[in-house]
Amino acid sequence: MTVSEKAAYLKGLADGLGIDKETKEGKLFSAIIDLLSDVAAEIEDLGYAIDELGDEIDAVSEDLQDVEDYVFDDEDSDTCCCDDDDYDYDYDEEDEPMFFSLKCPNCENEITVDEDVLSLGSINCPNCNEKLEFEFDEDDECCCIGGDEDEDEDDED
């Protein structure tokens, strides 16, 4: 039984008992029952509001998850032919210069280079002197370490 139903039951019980609303006790009981009815209605309204807010919070949470997936999830990106562990790039506040962190496939030394070094096409690893070759396509914002890596599908002719 809900709070509203219990308040309605008390009101019906008071009416059934024939409580005289003109006496002091009758006025008190009548005021208490009216108050209980009002409180029960407010509680019921709050319950509906809570349910609506819960639904809205769930919708916002789902939207936020979509945004987070879009912004932070690089693993499902089809624009790069490299593994995420092999490189990552960061922009500074002015988007210049762009730096890339690369991992040498031979010694696994991490190397940070800028766009100018990538445009050279290759460098020697400063740790093991292994020649690292790059393919950099500015449209895709992708770099590939040459060697054992799979060839990009766009390069097949």
N, C-alpha and C. Protein backbone atom coordinates (compact mmCIF):
# COMPACT_ATOMS: atom_id res chain seq x y z
N MET A 1 0.85 -1.17 0.00
CA MET A 1 0.00 0.00 0.00
C MET A 1 0.91 1.25 0.00
N THR A 2 0.61 2.19 -0.87
CA THR A 2 1.40 3.41 -0.96
C THR A 2 1.03 4.38 0.15
N VAL A 3 1.85 5.41 0.34
CA VAL A 3 1.58 6.42 1.36
C VAL A 3 0.27 7.14 1.05
N SER A 4 0.00 7.42 -0.22
CA SER A 4 -1.25 8.09 -0.60
C SER A 4 -2.46 7.21 -0.27
N GLU A 5 -2.32 5.92 -0.52
CA GLU A 5 -3.41 5.00 -0.22
C GLU A 5 -3.66 4.91 1.29
N LYS A 6 -2.57 4.93 2.07
CA LYS A 6 -2.72 4.88 3.53
C LYS A 6 -3.38 6.15 4.05
N ALA A 7 -3.02 7.30 3.50
CA ALA A 7 -3.65 8.55 3.91
C ALA A 7 -5.14 8.55 3.56
N ALA A 8 -5.48 8.04 2.38
CA ALA A 8 -6.89 7.96 1.98
C ALA A 8 -7.66 7.00 2.89
N TYR A 9 -7.01 5.90 3.30
CA TYR A 9 -7.64 4.95 4.22
C TYR A 9 -7.95 5.62 5.56
N LEU A 10 -6.98 6.40 6.09
CA LEU A 10 -7.21 7.09 7.36
C LEU A 10 -8.35 8.09 7.26
N LYS A 11 -8.42 8.79 6.14
CA LYS A 11 -9.51 9.76 5.94
C LYS A 11 -10.86 9.04 5.91
N GLY A 12 -10.90 7.91 5.20
CA GLY A 12 -12.13 7.12 5.14
C GLY A 12 -12.50 6.54 6.50
N LEU A 13 -11.49 6.12 7.25
CA LEU A 13 -11.73 5.58 8.59
C LEU A 13 -12.31 6.65 9.51
N ALA A 14 -11.73 7.87 9.44
CA ALA A 14 -12.23 8.97 10.27
C ALA A 14 -13.66 9.32 9.90
N ASP A 15 -13.97 9.33 8.61
CA ASP A 15 -15.34 9.62 8.18
C ASP A 15 -16.29 8.51 8.62
N GLY A 16 -15.81 7.25 8.55
CA GLY A 16 -16.64 6.10 8.93
C GLY A 16 -16.91 6.06 10.43
N LEU A 17 -15.98 6.57 11.21
CA LEU A 17 -16.18 6.58 12.66
C LEU A 17 -17.11 7.70 13.09
N GLY A 18 -17.39 8.61 12.18
CA GLY A 18 -18.29 9.72 12.49
C GLY A 18 -17.67 10.72 13.44
N ILE A 19 -16.38 10.99 13.26
CA ILE A 19 -15.71 11.97 14.12
C ILE A 19 -16.30 13.34 13.82
N ASP A 20 -16.75 14.01 14.86
CA ASP A 20 -17.35 15.34 14.73
C ASP A 20 -16.24 16.36 14.52
N LYS A 21 -16.26 17.03 13.37
CA LYS A 21 -15.20 17.98 13.01
C LYS A 21 -15.38 19.32 13.71
N GLU A 22 -16.40 19.45 14.53
CA GLU A 22 -16.65 20.70 15.24
C GLU A 22 -16.02 20.69 16.63
N THR A 23 -15.66 19.50 17.13
CA THR A 23 -15.02 19.43 18.44
C THR A 23 -13.53 19.69 18.30
N LYS A 24 -12.88 19.96 19.44
CA LYS A 24 -11.45 20.21 19.42
C LYS A 24 -10.69 19.00 18.87
N GLU A 25 -11.04 17.83 19.37
CA GLU A 25 -10.36 16.61 18.93
C GLU A 25 -10.65 16.33 17.46
N GLY A 26 -11.87 16.55 17.03
CA GLY A 26 -12.26 16.34 15.64
C GLY A 26 -11.51 17.25 14.69
N LYS A 27 -11.37 18.54 15.09
CA LYS A 27 -10.61 19.48 14.26
C LYS A 27 -9.15 19.05 14.16
N LEU A 28 -8.57 18.57 15.27
CA LEU A 28 -7.19 18.12 15.28
C LEU A 28 -6.99 16.92 14.36
N PHE A 29 -7.87 15.90 14.50
CA PHE A 29 -7.77 14.72 13.65
C PHE A 29 -7.95 15.08 12.17
N SER A 30 -8.87 15.95 11.89
CA SER A 30 -9.13 16.38 10.51
C SER A 30 -7.90 17.09 9.93
N ALA A 31 -7.28 17.98 10.71
CA ALA A 31 -6.09 18.70 10.24
C ALA A 31 -4.92 17.74 10.02
N ILE A 32 -4.76 16.78 10.94
CA ILE A 32 -3.67 15.80 10.80
C ILE A 32 -3.87 14.95 9.55
N ILE A 33 -5.09 14.51 9.31
CA ILE A 33 -5.38 13.68 8.14
C ILE A 33 -5.17 14.48 6.85
N ASP A 34 -5.59 15.75 6.84
CA ASP A 34 -5.36 16.60 5.67
C ASP A 34 -3.86 16.78 5.41
N LEU A 35 -3.11 16.99 6.50
CA LEU A 35 -1.65 17.14 6.38
C LEU A 35 -1.03 15.86 5.83
N LEU A 36 -1.45 14.72 6.34
CA LEU A 36 -0.92 13.45 5.85
C LEU A 36 -1.23 13.26 4.36
N SER A 37 -2.42 13.66 3.93
CA SER A 37 -2.78 13.56 2.51
C SER A 37 -1.88 14.45 1.65
N ASP A 38 -1.63 15.68 2.14
CA ASP A 38 -0.75 16.60 1.41
C ASP A 38 0.68 16.07 1.33
N VAL A 39 1.18 15.56 2.45
CA VAL A 39 2.54 15.00 2.49
C VAL A 39 2.63 13.80 1.54
N ALA A 40 1.64 12.95 1.55
CA ALA A 40 1.63 11.77 0.68
C ALA A 40 1.64 12.19 -0.80
N ALA A 41 0.89 13.24 -1.15
CA ALA A 41 0.87 13.73 -2.53
C ALA A 41 2.24 14.29 -2.92
N GLU A 42 2.89 15.03 -2.01
CA GLU A 42 4.22 15.58 -2.28
C GLU A 42 5.25 14.46 -2.47
N ILE A 43 5.17 13.45 -1.62
CA ILE A 43 6.10 12.32 -1.74
C ILE A 43 5.92 11.62 -3.09
N GLU A 44 4.68 11.45 -3.49
CA GLU A 44 4.40 10.81 -4.77
C GLU A 44 4.95 11.65 -5.93
N ASP A 45 4.76 12.98 -5.87
CA ASP A 45 5.30 13.87 -6.90
C ASP A 45 6.83 13.81 -6.95
N LEU A 46 7.46 13.77 -5.77
CA LEU A 46 8.92 13.67 -5.72
C LEU A 46 9.40 12.34 -6.33
N GLY A 47 8.66 11.29 -6.09
CA GLY A 47 9.01 9.99 -6.69
C GLY A 47 9.01 10.05 -8.21
N TYR A 48 7.98 10.70 -8.78
CA TYR A 48 7.92 10.85 -10.24
C TYR A 48 9.08 11.71 -10.75
N ALA A 49 9.39 12.79 -10.02
CA ALA A 49 10.49 13.67 -10.41
C ALA A 49 11.82 12.93 -10.36
N ILE A 50 12.01 12.11 -9.34
CA ILE A 50 13.24 11.32 -9.23
C ILE A 50 13.37 10.35 -10.39
N ASP A 51 12.27 9.70 -10.76
CA ASP A 51 12.31 8.78 -11.89
C ASP A 51 12.68 9.50 -13.19
N GLU A 52 12.09 10.69 -13.40
CA GLU A 52 12.41 11.47 -14.60
C GLU A 52 13.87 11.91 -14.61
N LEU A 53 14.36 12.38 -13.45
CA LEU A 53 15.77 12.79 -13.37
C LEU A 53 16.70 11.60 -13.61
N GLY A 54 16.34 10.45 -13.08
CA GLY A 54 17.15 9.26 -13.32
C GLY A 54 17.23 8.92 -14.80
N ASP A 55 16.10 9.02 -15.51
CA ASP A 55 16.09 8.77 -16.95
C ASP A 55 16.96 9.78 -17.69
N GLU A 56 16.87 11.05 -17.29
CA GLU A 56 17.68 12.09 -17.93
C GLU A 56 19.17 11.89 -17.65
N ILE A 57 19.51 11.50 -16.43
CA ILE A 57 20.91 11.23 -16.09
C ILE A 57 21.44 10.06 -16.90
N ASP A 58 20.63 9.02 -17.07
CA ASP A 58 21.04 7.88 -17.89
C ASP A 58 21.30 8.31 -19.33
N ALA A 59 20.43 9.16 -19.87
CA ALA A 59 20.60 9.63 -21.26
C ALA A 59 21.87 10.47 -21.38
N VAL A 60 22.12 11.36 -20.42
CA VAL A 60 23.33 12.18 -20.46
C VAL A 60 24.57 11.30 -20.31
N SER A 61 24.49 10.31 -19.45
CA SER A 61 25.62 9.39 -19.25
C SER A 61 25.93 8.64 -20.54
N GLU A 62 24.91 8.19 -21.25
CA GLU A 62 25.12 7.50 -22.53
C GLU A 62 25.74 8.44 -23.55
N ASP A 63 25.25 9.68 -23.60
CA ASP A 63 25.81 10.67 -24.52
C ASP A 63 27.27 10.96 -24.18
N LEU A 64 27.57 11.08 -22.90
CA LEU A 64 28.94 11.34 -22.47
C LEU A 64 29.84 10.16 -22.82
N GLN A 65 29.34 8.94 -22.69
CA GLN A 65 30.12 7.77 -23.06
C GLN A 65 30.43 7.78 -24.56
N ASP A 66 29.46 8.19 -25.38
CA ASP A 66 29.69 8.30 -26.81
C ASP A 66 30.79 9.33 -27.11
N VAL A 67 30.75 10.47 -26.41
CA VAL A 67 31.76 11.51 -26.60
C VAL A 67 33.13 10.99 -26.17
N GLU A 68 33.19 10.32 -25.00
CA GLU A 68 34.46 9.78 -24.53
C GLU A 68 35.01 8.75 -25.50
N ASP A 69 34.14 7.89 -26.03
CA ASP A 69 34.60 6.91 -27.01
C ASP A 69 35.16 7.59 -28.25
N TYR A 70 34.51 8.64 -28.69
CA TYR A 70 34.97 9.36 -29.87
C TYR A 70 36.29 10.07 -29.63
N VAL A 71 36.42 10.71 -28.47
CA VAL A 71 37.60 11.52 -28.19
C VAL A 71 38.79 10.67 -27.76
N PHE A 72 38.58 9.69 -26.91
CA PHE A 72 39.69 8.98 -26.30
C PHE A 72 39.98 7.61 -26.89
N ASP A 73 39.13 7.07 -27.71
CA ASP A 73 39.30 5.70 -28.21
C ASP A 73 40.00 5.71 -29.56
N ASP A 74 41.33 5.57 -29.55
CA ASP A 74 42.12 5.53 -30.78
C ASP A 74 42.27 4.12 -31.31
N GLU A 75 41.91 3.10 -30.52
CA GLU A 75 42.15 1.72 -30.92
C GLU A 75 41.32 1.31 -32.13
N ASP A 76 40.14 1.87 -32.29
CA ASP A 76 39.27 1.48 -33.39
C ASP A 76 39.47 2.34 -34.63
N SER A 77 40.47 3.21 -34.61
CA SER A 77 40.70 4.12 -35.72
C SER A 77 41.21 3.36 -36.93
N ASP A 78 40.58 3.59 -38.09
CA ASP A 78 41.01 2.95 -39.34
C ASP A 78 41.93 3.84 -40.14
N THR A 79 42.29 5.01 -39.63
CA THR A 79 43.09 5.95 -40.41
C THR A 79 44.57 5.69 -40.29
N CYS A 80 45.00 4.80 -39.41
CA CYS A 80 46.43 4.58 -39.22
C CYS A 80 46.77 3.12 -39.47
N CYS A 81 47.89 2.90 -40.12
CA CYS A 81 48.32 1.54 -40.40
C CYS A 81 49.28 1.03 -39.34
N CYS A 82 49.57 1.82 -38.33
CA CYS A 82 50.51 1.45 -37.27
C CYS A 82 49.77 0.94 -36.05
N ASP A 83 50.47 0.17 -35.22
CA ASP A 83 49.93 -0.20 -33.92
C ASP A 83 50.02 1.01 -33.01
N ASP A 84 49.07 1.14 -32.10
CA ASP A 84 49.07 2.29 -31.20
C ASP A 84 50.32 2.33 -30.33
N ASP A 85 50.93 1.16 -30.04
CA ASP A 85 52.13 1.13 -29.22
C ASP A 85 53.34 1.67 -29.96
N ASP A 86 53.30 1.69 -31.30
CA ASP A 86 54.46 2.11 -32.07
C ASP A 86 54.62 3.62 -32.16
N TYR A 87 53.54 4.36 -32.00
CA TYR A 87 53.65 5.82 -32.10
C TYR A 87 52.48 6.47 -31.39
N ASP A 88 52.66 7.68 -31.05
CA ASP A 88 51.54 8.54 -30.70
C ASP A 88 52.00 9.97 -30.91
N TYR A 89 51.06 10.86 -31.15
CA TYR A 89 51.45 12.23 -31.44
C TYR A 89 50.65 13.19 -30.58
N ASP A 90 51.29 14.30 -30.26
CA ASP A 90 50.67 15.31 -29.41
C ASP A 90 50.80 16.66 -30.09
N TYR A 91 49.79 17.49 -29.90
CA TYR A 91 49.83 18.86 -30.39
C TYR A 91 50.05 19.78 -29.19
N ASP A 92 50.80 20.85 -29.39
CA ASP A 92 50.87 21.83 -28.32
C ASP A 92 49.69 22.77 -28.48
N GLU A 93 49.61 23.80 -27.67
CA GLU A 93 48.45 24.69 -27.66
C GLU A 93 48.21 25.37 -28.99
N GLU A 94 49.26 25.65 -29.74
CA GLU A 94 49.12 26.35 -31.02
C GLU A 94 49.12 25.39 -32.21
N ASP A 95 49.08 24.06 -31.93
CA ASP A 95 49.15 23.03 -32.95
C ASP A 95 50.46 23.07 -33.72
N GLU A 96 51.49 23.66 -33.20
CA GLU A 96 52.81 23.68 -33.81
C GLU A 96 53.85 23.63 -32.74
N PRO A 97 54.91 22.96 -32.87
CA PRO A 97 55.14 21.89 -33.83
C PRO A 97 54.48 20.59 -33.37
N MET A 98 54.37 19.63 -34.27
CA MET A 98 53.78 18.34 -33.96
C MET A 98 54.93 17.37 -33.67
N PHE A 99 54.86 16.67 -32.55
CA PHE A 99 55.86 15.70 -32.17
C PHE A 99 55.28 14.31 -32.21
N PHE A 100 56.12 13.34 -32.59
CA PHE A 100 55.70 11.95 -32.65
C PHE A 100 56.63 11.13 -31.77
N SER A 101 56.05 10.21 -31.02
CA SER A 101 56.84 9.28 -30.23
C SER A 101 56.84 7.96 -30.97
N LEU A 102 58.03 7.47 -31.29
CA LEU A 102 58.17 6.24 -32.05
C LEU A 102 58.96 5.23 -31.24
N LYS A 103 58.70 3.96 -31.48
CA LYS A 103 59.45 2.90 -30.82
C LYS A 103 60.24 2.15 -31.88
N CYS A 104 61.52 2.07 -31.69
CA CYS A 104 62.37 1.35 -32.64
C CYS A 104 61.99 -0.12 -32.60
N PRO A 105 61.72 -0.74 -33.75
CA PRO A 105 61.34 -2.16 -33.74
C PRO A 105 62.50 -3.07 -33.38
N ASN A 106 63.72 -2.59 -33.50
CA ASN A 106 64.89 -3.41 -33.21
C ASN A 106 65.22 -3.42 -31.72
N CYS A 107 65.43 -2.23 -31.13
CA CYS A 107 65.84 -2.15 -29.71
C CYS A 107 64.72 -1.69 -28.80
N GLU A 108 63.58 -1.33 -29.35
CA GLU A 108 62.40 -0.85 -28.62
C GLU A 108 62.68 0.43 -27.84
N ASN A 109 63.68 1.20 -28.27
CA ASN A 109 63.97 2.50 -27.69
C ASN A 109 62.91 3.48 -28.17
N GLU A 110 62.39 4.31 -27.28
CA GLU A 110 61.39 5.30 -27.67
C GLU A 110 62.09 6.57 -28.12
N ILE A 111 61.70 7.06 -29.29
CA ILE A 111 62.31 8.22 -29.91
C ILE A 111 61.23 9.25 -30.17
N THR A 112 61.50 10.51 -29.85
CA THR A 112 60.56 11.59 -30.14
C THR A 112 61.12 12.43 -31.28
N VAL A 113 60.29 12.59 -32.32
CA VAL A 113 60.71 13.36 -33.50
C VAL A 113 59.61 14.35 -33.84
N ASP A 114 59.99 15.35 -34.63
CA ASP A 114 58.98 16.32 -35.09
C ASP A 114 58.68 16.08 -36.56
N GLU A 115 57.80 16.90 -37.11
CA GLU A 115 57.39 16.75 -38.51
C GLU A 115 58.56 16.89 -39.48
N ASP A 116 59.48 17.77 -39.15
CA ASP A 116 60.63 17.97 -40.04
C ASP A 116 61.45 16.70 -40.18
N VAL A 117 61.66 15.99 -39.08
CA VAL A 117 62.42 14.74 -39.13
C VAL A 117 61.64 13.69 -39.91
N LEU A 118 60.32 13.64 -39.71
CA LEU A 118 59.51 12.68 -40.46
C LEU A 118 59.56 12.95 -41.96
N SER A 119 59.61 14.21 -42.32
CA SER A 119 59.62 14.56 -43.74
C SER A 119 60.91 14.11 -44.42
N LEU A 120 61.97 13.82 -43.65
CA LEU A 120 63.22 13.31 -44.22
C LEU A 120 63.04 11.91 -44.79
N GLY A 121 62.08 11.17 -44.26
CA GLY A 121 61.80 9.83 -44.77
C GLY A 121 62.46 8.73 -43.97
N SER A 122 63.59 9.00 -43.35
CA SER A 122 64.24 7.98 -42.53
C SER A 122 65.27 8.63 -41.61
N ILE A 123 65.56 7.93 -40.52
CA ILE A 123 66.63 8.32 -39.61
C ILE A 123 67.25 7.05 -39.06
N ASN A 124 68.38 7.18 -38.44
CA ASN A 124 68.99 6.05 -37.75
C ASN A 124 68.63 6.16 -36.27
N CYS A 125 68.32 5.01 -35.67
CA CYS A 125 67.99 4.98 -34.25
C CYS A 125 69.24 5.42 -33.47
N PRO A 126 69.09 6.39 -32.58
CA PRO A 126 70.26 6.86 -31.83
C PRO A 126 70.80 5.81 -30.85
N ASN A 127 70.02 4.78 -30.55
CA ASN A 127 70.45 3.77 -29.59
C ASN A 127 71.17 2.60 -30.28
N CYS A 128 70.59 2.06 -31.37
CA CYS A 128 71.16 0.87 -32.00
C CYS A 128 71.61 1.12 -33.44
N ASN A 129 71.39 2.32 -33.95
CA ASN A 129 71.79 2.73 -35.29
C ASN A 129 71.02 1.99 -36.40
N GLU A 130 69.90 1.37 -36.05
CA GLU A 130 69.03 0.73 -37.05
C GLU A 130 68.37 1.82 -37.89
N LYS A 131 68.29 1.61 -39.21
CA LYS A 131 67.67 2.60 -40.09
C LYS A 131 66.14 2.47 -39.96
N LEU A 132 65.50 3.59 -39.61
CA LEU A 132 64.05 3.64 -39.49
C LEU A 132 63.51 4.46 -40.65
N GLU A 133 62.64 3.87 -41.44
CA GLU A 133 62.06 4.56 -42.58
C GLU A 133 60.62 4.93 -42.24
N PHE A 134 60.22 6.12 -42.72
CA PHE A 134 58.89 6.63 -42.43
C PHE A 134 58.14 6.90 -43.71
N GLU A 135 56.85 6.63 -43.65
CA GLU A 135 55.93 7.11 -44.67
C GLU A 135 54.99 8.02 -43.93
N PHE A 136 54.89 9.26 -44.37
CA PHE A 136 54.05 10.22 -43.66
C PHE A 136 53.11 10.84 -44.65
N ASP A 137 51.81 10.67 -44.43
CA ASP A 137 50.79 11.25 -45.28
C ASP A 137 50.07 12.30 -44.44
N GLU A 138 50.24 13.57 -44.76
CA GLU A 138 49.68 14.66 -43.96
C GLU A 138 48.16 14.63 -43.93
N ASP A 139 47.53 14.08 -44.99
CA ASP A 139 46.07 14.01 -45.01
C ASP A 139 45.55 13.05 -43.95
N ASP A 140 46.25 11.93 -43.75
CA ASP A 140 45.82 10.93 -42.79
C ASP A 140 46.38 11.16 -41.40
N GLU A 141 47.36 12.06 -41.26
CA GLU A 141 48.07 12.27 -40.01
C GLU A 141 48.56 10.94 -39.49
N CYS A 142 49.25 10.19 -40.32
CA CYS A 142 49.70 8.86 -39.98
C CYS A 142 51.17 8.71 -40.34
N CYS A 143 51.91 8.02 -39.53
CA CYS A 143 53.29 7.71 -39.89
C CYS A 143 53.48 6.22 -39.72
N CYS A 144 54.33 5.66 -40.55
CA CYS A 144 54.57 4.23 -40.47
C CYS A 144 56.06 3.99 -40.40
N ILE A 145 56.47 3.11 -39.53
CA ILE A 145 57.87 2.72 -39.48
C ILE A 145 58.05 1.64 -40.53
N GLY A 146 58.97 1.85 -41.44
CA GLY A 146 59.22 0.88 -42.50
C GLY A 146 59.88 -0.35 -41.93
N GLY A 147 59.94 -1.40 -42.73
CA GLY A 147 60.59 -2.63 -42.29
C GLY A 147 59.57 -3.73 -42.20
N ASP A 148 59.43 -4.33 -41.03
CA ASP A 148 58.56 -5.48 -40.85
C ASP A 148 57.09 -5.14 -40.76
N GLU A 149 56.73 -3.86 -40.71
CA GLU A 149 55.32 -3.46 -40.61
C GLU A 149 54.59 -3.80 -41.89
N ASP A 150 53.28 -4.05 -41.79
CA ASP A 150 52.46 -4.31 -42.96
C ASP A 150 52.38 -3.07 -43.81
N GLU A 151 52.33 -3.26 -45.13
CA GLU A 151 52.21 -2.13 -46.04
C GLU A 151 50.81 -1.58 -45.99
N ASP A 152 50.66 -0.28 -46.16
CA ASP A 152 49.36 0.40 -46.20
C ASP A 152 48.62 -0.06 -47.45
N GLU A 153 47.33 -0.31 -47.35
CA GLU A 153 46.54 -0.76 -48.48
C GLU A 153 46.53 0.25 -49.62
N ASP A 154 46.65 1.56 -49.31
CA ASP A 154 46.64 2.59 -50.33
C ASP A 154 47.89 2.54 -51.19
N ASP A 155 49.00 1.95 -50.69
CA ASP A 155 50.25 1.92 -51.42
C ASP A 155 50.32 0.79 -52.42
N GLU A 156 49.37 -0.15 -52.39
CA GLU A 156 49.39 -1.27 -53.34
C GLU A 156 48.91 -0.78 -54.69
N ASP A 157 49.75 -0.95 -55.72
CA ASP A 157 49.37 -0.58 -57.08
C ASP A 157 49.59 -1.71 -58.04
